[in-house]
Amino acid sequence: MNISVELTLLPLHDDFQIPIKSFIKKLRGLGFKVLENPMSTQIYGEYDALMSSLQEVIKDSFENESAVVLNMKIIKGDRSDYVPSF
């Protein structure tokens, strides 16, 4: 089963750009389709493989940051080709 995941990492300190960039670079290196915008990062793939890979990247980010929030939305299906119709 394919899924679409939207992630927003929010480090709770002034120097937030470095951990966000590091998080996105790790996502890019996982081998899944990754799309980015100024508000979030979307990643698409097969459920088991993607969730297993995300678990490692999220854990690493949490271990390296003293205070951080991660917002995650998961949608069943690959929505990477979505085009608004309005």
N, C-alpha and C. Protein backbone atom coordinates (compact mmCIF):
# COMPACT_ATOMS: atom_id res chain seq x y z
N MET A 1 0.84 -1.17 0.00
CA MET A 1 0.00 0.00 0.00
C MET A 1 0.89 1.24 0.00
N ASN A 2 0.62 2.16 -0.90
CA ASN A 2 1.37 3.41 -0.97
C ASN A 2 0.73 4.47 -0.08
N ILE A 3 1.60 5.35 0.43
CA ILE A 3 1.13 6.45 1.27
C ILE A 3 1.82 7.75 0.87
N SER A 4 1.21 8.85 1.28
CA SER A 4 1.77 10.19 1.15
C SER A 4 1.90 10.74 2.56
N VAL A 5 3.07 11.29 2.88
CA VAL A 5 3.31 11.80 4.23
C VAL A 5 3.77 13.25 4.12
N GLU A 6 3.12 14.11 4.90
CA GLU A 6 3.54 15.51 4.98
C GLU A 6 4.19 15.73 6.34
N LEU A 7 5.40 16.30 6.32
CA LEU A 7 6.17 16.51 7.55
C LEU A 7 6.55 17.97 7.70
N THR A 8 6.43 18.47 8.93
CA THR A 8 6.91 19.81 9.26
C THR A 8 7.69 19.69 10.56
N LEU A 9 9.00 19.96 10.48
CA LEU A 9 9.86 19.92 11.65
C LEU A 9 9.98 21.33 12.22
N LEU A 10 9.79 21.46 13.53
CA LEU A 10 9.80 22.75 14.19
C LEU A 10 10.76 22.74 15.38
N PRO A 11 12.04 23.03 15.16
CA PRO A 11 12.97 23.15 16.29
C PRO A 11 12.57 24.37 17.13
N LEU A 12 12.60 24.22 18.43
CA LEU A 12 12.13 25.28 19.32
C LEU A 12 13.30 26.10 19.86
N HIS A 13 14.06 26.69 18.93
CA HIS A 13 15.14 27.60 19.28
C HIS A 13 15.43 28.49 18.09
N ASP A 14 16.22 29.55 18.30
CA ASP A 14 16.47 30.55 17.27
C ASP A 14 17.24 30.02 16.07
N ASP A 15 18.14 29.08 16.26
CA ASP A 15 18.95 28.54 15.17
C ASP A 15 18.25 27.33 14.57
N PHE A 16 17.10 27.56 13.94
CA PHE A 16 16.24 26.48 13.46
C PHE A 16 16.57 26.00 12.05
N GLN A 17 17.27 26.82 11.25
CA GLN A 17 17.49 26.47 9.85
C GLN A 17 18.39 25.24 9.68
N ILE A 18 19.42 25.13 10.47
CA ILE A 18 20.36 24.01 10.33
C ILE A 18 19.68 22.67 10.56
N PRO A 19 18.92 22.47 11.65
CA PRO A 19 18.27 21.17 11.83
C PRO A 19 17.20 20.87 10.78
N ILE A 20 16.51 21.89 10.30
CA ILE A 20 15.50 21.67 9.26
C ILE A 20 16.16 21.22 7.97
N LYS A 21 17.22 21.90 7.58
CA LYS A 21 17.94 21.51 6.36
C LYS A 21 18.52 20.10 6.49
N SER A 22 19.06 19.79 7.64
CA SER A 22 19.60 18.44 7.87
C SER A 22 18.51 17.38 7.76
N PHE A 23 17.35 17.65 8.33
CA PHE A 23 16.21 16.73 8.28
C PHE A 23 15.78 16.49 6.83
N ILE A 24 15.67 17.56 6.05
CA ILE A 24 15.25 17.43 4.65
C ILE A 24 16.29 16.66 3.83
N LYS A 25 17.56 16.93 4.07
CA LYS A 25 18.62 16.21 3.34
C LYS A 25 18.58 14.72 3.65
N LYS A 26 18.29 14.37 4.90
CA LYS A 26 18.17 12.95 5.26
C LYS A 26 16.96 12.32 4.56
N LEU A 27 15.86 13.06 4.46
CA LEU A 27 14.68 12.55 3.75
C LEU A 27 15.00 12.33 2.28
N ARG A 28 15.71 13.27 1.67
CA ARG A 28 16.08 13.13 0.26
C ARG A 28 16.93 11.89 0.03
N GLY A 29 17.75 11.52 1.00
CA GLY A 29 18.66 10.39 0.86
C GLY A 29 18.01 9.03 1.06
N LEU A 30 16.73 9.00 1.39
CA LEU A 30 16.06 7.72 1.64
C LEU A 30 15.69 6.96 0.38
N GLY A 31 15.66 7.63 -0.78
CA GLY A 31 15.33 6.96 -2.02
C GLY A 31 13.86 7.01 -2.40
N PHE A 32 13.07 7.79 -1.69
CA PHE A 32 11.66 7.97 -2.01
C PHE A 32 11.47 9.29 -2.74
N LYS A 33 10.31 9.48 -3.35
CA LYS A 33 10.00 10.75 -3.98
C LYS A 33 9.74 11.78 -2.88
N VAL A 34 10.46 12.91 -2.94
CA VAL A 34 10.33 13.97 -1.95
C VAL A 34 10.01 15.28 -2.66
N LEU A 35 8.97 15.97 -2.19
CA LEU A 35 8.62 17.29 -2.69
C LEU A 35 8.64 18.26 -1.52
N GLU A 36 9.14 19.46 -1.76
CA GLU A 36 9.26 20.45 -0.69
C GLU A 36 8.56 21.74 -1.07
N ASN A 37 8.08 22.44 -0.04
CA ASN A 37 7.58 23.79 -0.21
C ASN A 37 7.97 24.56 1.05
N PRO A 38 7.72 25.85 1.12
CA PRO A 38 8.17 26.63 2.28
C PRO A 38 7.56 26.20 3.61
N MET A 39 6.45 25.49 3.60
CA MET A 39 5.76 25.14 4.84
C MET A 39 5.98 23.71 5.30
N SER A 40 6.29 22.79 4.36
CA SER A 40 6.41 21.39 4.73
C SER A 40 7.16 20.61 3.65
N THR A 41 7.38 19.35 3.97
CA THR A 41 8.02 18.43 3.03
C THR A 41 7.10 17.23 2.88
N GLN A 42 6.88 16.80 1.65
CA GLN A 42 6.06 15.62 1.39
C GLN A 42 6.96 14.51 0.87
N ILE A 43 6.67 13.30 1.32
CA ILE A 43 7.43 12.13 0.89
C ILE A 43 6.44 11.02 0.57
N TYR A 44 6.72 10.25 -0.48
CA TYR A 44 5.77 9.28 -1.01
C TYR A 44 6.44 7.92 -1.16
N GLY A 45 5.72 6.86 -0.80
CA GLY A 45 6.28 5.53 -0.98
C GLY A 45 5.41 4.44 -0.40
N GLU A 46 5.95 3.24 -0.40
CA GLU A 46 5.26 2.06 0.13
C GLU A 46 5.27 2.14 1.65
N TYR A 47 4.12 1.85 2.26
CA TYR A 47 3.91 2.08 3.70
C TYR A 47 5.02 1.52 4.58
N ASP A 48 5.27 0.23 4.53
CA ASP A 48 6.23 -0.39 5.45
C ASP A 48 7.63 0.18 5.28
N ALA A 49 8.08 0.29 4.05
CA ALA A 49 9.43 0.80 3.79
C ALA A 49 9.55 2.27 4.21
N LEU A 50 8.57 3.07 3.85
CA LEU A 50 8.63 4.50 4.16
C LEU A 50 8.55 4.76 5.67
N MET A 51 7.62 4.11 6.35
CA MET A 51 7.46 4.34 7.78
C MET A 51 8.69 3.87 8.56
N SER A 52 9.29 2.77 8.14
CA SER A 52 10.51 2.28 8.78
C SER A 52 11.64 3.29 8.60
N SER A 53 11.78 3.81 7.41
CA SER A 53 12.83 4.80 7.14
C SER A 53 12.57 6.11 7.89
N LEU A 54 11.32 6.54 7.92
CA LEU A 54 10.98 7.78 8.63
C LEU A 54 11.26 7.65 10.13
N GLN A 55 10.98 6.48 10.67
CA GLN A 55 11.21 6.26 12.10
C GLN A 55 12.67 6.56 12.46
N GLU A 56 13.59 6.11 11.63
CA GLU A 56 15.01 6.33 11.89
C GLU A 56 15.38 7.81 11.79
N VAL A 57 14.89 8.49 10.75
CA VAL A 57 15.21 9.90 10.55
C VAL A 57 14.62 10.75 11.67
N ILE A 58 13.40 10.46 12.06
CA ILE A 58 12.75 11.21 13.14
C ILE A 58 13.49 11.00 14.46
N LYS A 59 13.83 9.76 14.76
CA LYS A 59 14.56 9.47 16.00
C LYS A 59 15.88 10.22 16.03
N ASP A 60 16.61 10.22 14.93
CA ASP A 60 17.89 10.92 14.84
C ASP A 60 17.70 12.41 15.11
N SER A 61 16.68 13.01 14.51
CA SER A 61 16.42 14.44 14.71
C SER A 61 16.06 14.73 16.16
N PHE A 62 15.27 13.88 16.77
CA PHE A 62 14.87 14.07 18.16
C PHE A 62 16.07 13.92 19.10
N GLU A 63 16.96 13.00 18.79
CA GLU A 63 18.14 12.80 19.64
C GLU A 63 19.12 13.97 19.54
N ASN A 64 19.13 14.65 18.39
CA ASN A 64 20.08 15.75 18.17
C ASN A 64 19.55 17.12 18.55
N GLU A 65 18.30 17.22 18.92
CA GLU A 65 17.70 18.51 19.28
C GLU A 65 17.20 18.48 20.71
N SER A 66 17.41 19.58 21.43
CA SER A 66 16.94 19.63 22.82
C SER A 66 15.43 19.82 22.90
N ALA A 67 14.86 20.54 21.94
CA ALA A 67 13.41 20.78 21.92
C ALA A 67 12.96 20.89 20.47
N VAL A 68 12.05 20.01 20.06
CA VAL A 68 11.61 19.99 18.66
C VAL A 68 10.20 19.40 18.59
N VAL A 69 9.43 19.89 17.63
CA VAL A 69 8.09 19.37 17.35
C VAL A 69 8.08 18.86 15.92
N LEU A 70 7.40 17.75 15.70
CA LEU A 70 7.23 17.24 14.34
C LEU A 70 5.74 17.06 14.09
N ASN A 71 5.23 17.77 13.08
CA ASN A 71 3.85 17.56 12.63
C ASN A 71 3.89 16.61 11.45
N MET A 72 3.03 15.57 11.48
CA MET A 72 3.02 14.58 10.41
C MET A 72 1.59 14.24 10.05
N LYS A 73 1.31 14.28 8.75
CA LYS A 73 0.03 13.84 8.21
C LYS A 73 0.30 12.68 7.28
N ILE A 74 -0.52 11.64 7.38
CA ILE A 74 -0.36 10.46 6.53
C ILE A 74 -1.66 10.26 5.76
N ILE A 75 -1.54 10.14 4.45
CA ILE A 75 -2.70 9.91 3.58
C ILE A 75 -2.50 8.58 2.87
N LYS A 76 -3.52 7.76 2.87
CA LYS A 76 -3.45 6.51 2.12
C LYS A 76 -3.45 6.84 0.64
N GLY A 77 -2.48 6.29 -0.08
CA GLY A 77 -2.38 6.50 -1.52
C GLY A 77 -1.27 7.47 -1.86
N ASP A 78 -0.80 7.39 -3.09
CA ASP A 78 0.25 8.28 -3.58
C ASP A 78 -0.41 9.51 -4.21
N ARG A 79 -0.27 10.65 -3.54
CA ARG A 79 -0.89 11.90 -4.00
C ARG A 79 0.13 12.83 -4.66
N SER A 80 1.27 12.28 -5.04
CA SER A 80 2.35 13.12 -5.59
C SER A 80 1.99 13.77 -6.92
N ASP A 81 1.00 13.24 -7.60
CA ASP A 81 0.61 13.83 -8.90
C ASP A 81 -0.63 14.72 -8.77
N TYR A 82 -1.01 15.09 -7.56
CA TYR A 82 -2.20 15.92 -7.34
C TYR A 82 -2.04 17.28 -8.01
N VAL A 83 -3.07 17.68 -8.73
CA VAL A 83 -3.12 19.00 -9.36
C VAL A 83 -4.46 19.61 -8.97
N PRO A 84 -4.46 20.81 -8.36
CA PRO A 84 -5.72 21.45 -8.00
C PRO A 84 -6.58 21.69 -9.24
N SER A 85 -7.89 21.55 -9.07
CA SER A 85 -8.78 21.74 -10.22
C SER A 85 -9.62 23.01 -10.08
N PHE A 86 -9.08 24.00 -9.43
CA PHE A 86 -9.83 25.27 -9.27
C PHE A 86 -8.97 26.43 -9.65
